């Protein structure tokens, strides 16, 4: 099995955007919502597997699911 490297999407996207800005371009990513998925797609185009570890949306979803489970199981608000 081949070793896969993964990167936090924001690290690579920041590098790409910095390079584009240095070239006089003004890139916009996620202008219509959370830029996480467009950033991840940019990485996939480069052949990089995004690592969701740094994605705050996943942490928020997990917290919401845990709160819902607590409310169902313990009757807590």
Protein backbone atom coordinates (compact mmCIF):
# COMPACT_ATOMS: atom_id res chain seq x y z
CA UNK A 1 0.00 0.00 0.00
CA UNK A 2 1.31 3.42 -0.95
CA UNK A 3 1.84 5.96 1.84
CA UNK A 4 -0.51 8.89 1.45
CA UNK A 5 0.32 12.31 2.78
CA UNK A 6 -2.46 14.58 3.88
CA UNK A 7 -2.46 18.26 4.62
CA UNK A 8 -4.72 20.68 6.36
CA UNK A 9 -6.60 22.30 3.46
CA UNK A 10 -6.03 25.79 4.82
CA UNK A 11 -2.25 25.47 4.76
CA UNK A 12 -2.13 24.63 1.07
CA UNK A 13 -4.93 27.03 0.08
CA UNK A 14 -3.19 29.84 1.92
CA UNK A 15 0.04 29.09 0.05
CA UNK A 16 -1.75 29.04 -3.32
CA UNK A 17 -3.67 32.24 -2.59
CA UNK A 18 -0.52 34.00 -1.39
CA UNK A 19 1.20 33.05 -4.63
CA UNK A 20 -1.77 34.28 -6.70
CA UNK A 21 -1.90 37.57 -4.76
CA UNK A 22 1.84 38.06 -5.29
CA UNK A 23 1.15 37.67 -9.02
CA UNK A 24 -1.40 40.51 -8.84
CA UNK A 25 -4.50 38.31 -8.85
CA UNK A 26 -7.30 38.53 -6.30
CA UNK A 27 -8.69 35.03 -5.76
CA UNK A 28 -11.99 34.51 -3.95
CA UNK A 29 -12.96 31.17 -2.49
CA UNK A 30 -16.26 30.38 -0.85
CA UNK A 31 -17.89 33.74 -1.59
CA UNK A 32 -21.29 32.06 -1.37
CA UNK A 33 -20.75 30.16 1.88
CA UNK A 34 -18.21 28.26 3.94
CA UNK A 35 -15.00 27.95 1.91
CA UNK A 36 -14.01 24.55 3.34
CA UNK A 37 -15.42 22.41 0.55
CA UNK A 38 -14.13 24.63 -2.30
CA UNK A 39 -10.72 24.58 -0.58
CA UNK A 40 -10.82 20.80 -0.31
CA UNK A 41 -11.79 20.55 -3.99
CA UNK A 42 -8.83 22.76 -4.91
CA UNK A 43 -6.54 20.32 -3.08
CA UNK A 44 -8.12 17.33 -4.81
CA UNK A 45 -7.37 19.01 -8.16
CA UNK A 46 -3.70 19.03 -7.12
CA UNK A 47 -3.91 15.35 -6.17
CA UNK A 48 -3.80 16.09 -2.42
CA UNK A 49 -6.19 14.35 -0.05
CA UNK A 50 -7.65 16.97 2.30
CA UNK A 51 -7.39 16.22 6.01
CA UNK A 52 -10.63 17.18 7.76
CA UNK A 53 -8.88 17.24 11.13
CA UNK A 54 -8.67 21.03 11.04
CA UNK A 55 -12.25 21.55 9.79
CA UNK A 56 -14.25 23.34 12.49
CA UNK A 57 -17.53 22.31 10.84
CA UNK A 58 -16.84 18.68 11.74
CA UNK A 59 -16.16 19.59 15.37
CA UNK A 60 -19.37 21.66 15.46
CA UNK A 61 -21.42 18.83 13.94
CA UNK A 62 -19.99 16.40 16.50
CA UNK A 63 -20.84 18.76 19.38
CA UNK A 64 -24.40 19.15 18.07
CA UNK A 65 -24.84 15.39 17.73
CA UNK A 66 -23.56 14.81 21.26
CA UNK A 67 -25.90 17.49 22.64
CA UNK A 68 -28.83 15.87 20.84
CA UNK A 69 -27.91 12.43 22.22
CA UNK A 70 -27.57 13.82 25.75
CA UNK A 71 -30.96 15.49 25.48
CA UNK A 72 -32.59 12.26 24.29
CA UNK A 73 -30.88 9.97 26.79
CA UNK A 74 -30.73 12.19 29.86
CA UNK A 75 -33.55 14.62 29.20
CA UNK A 76 -31.05 17.46 29.52
CA UNK A 77 -31.70 20.74 27.70
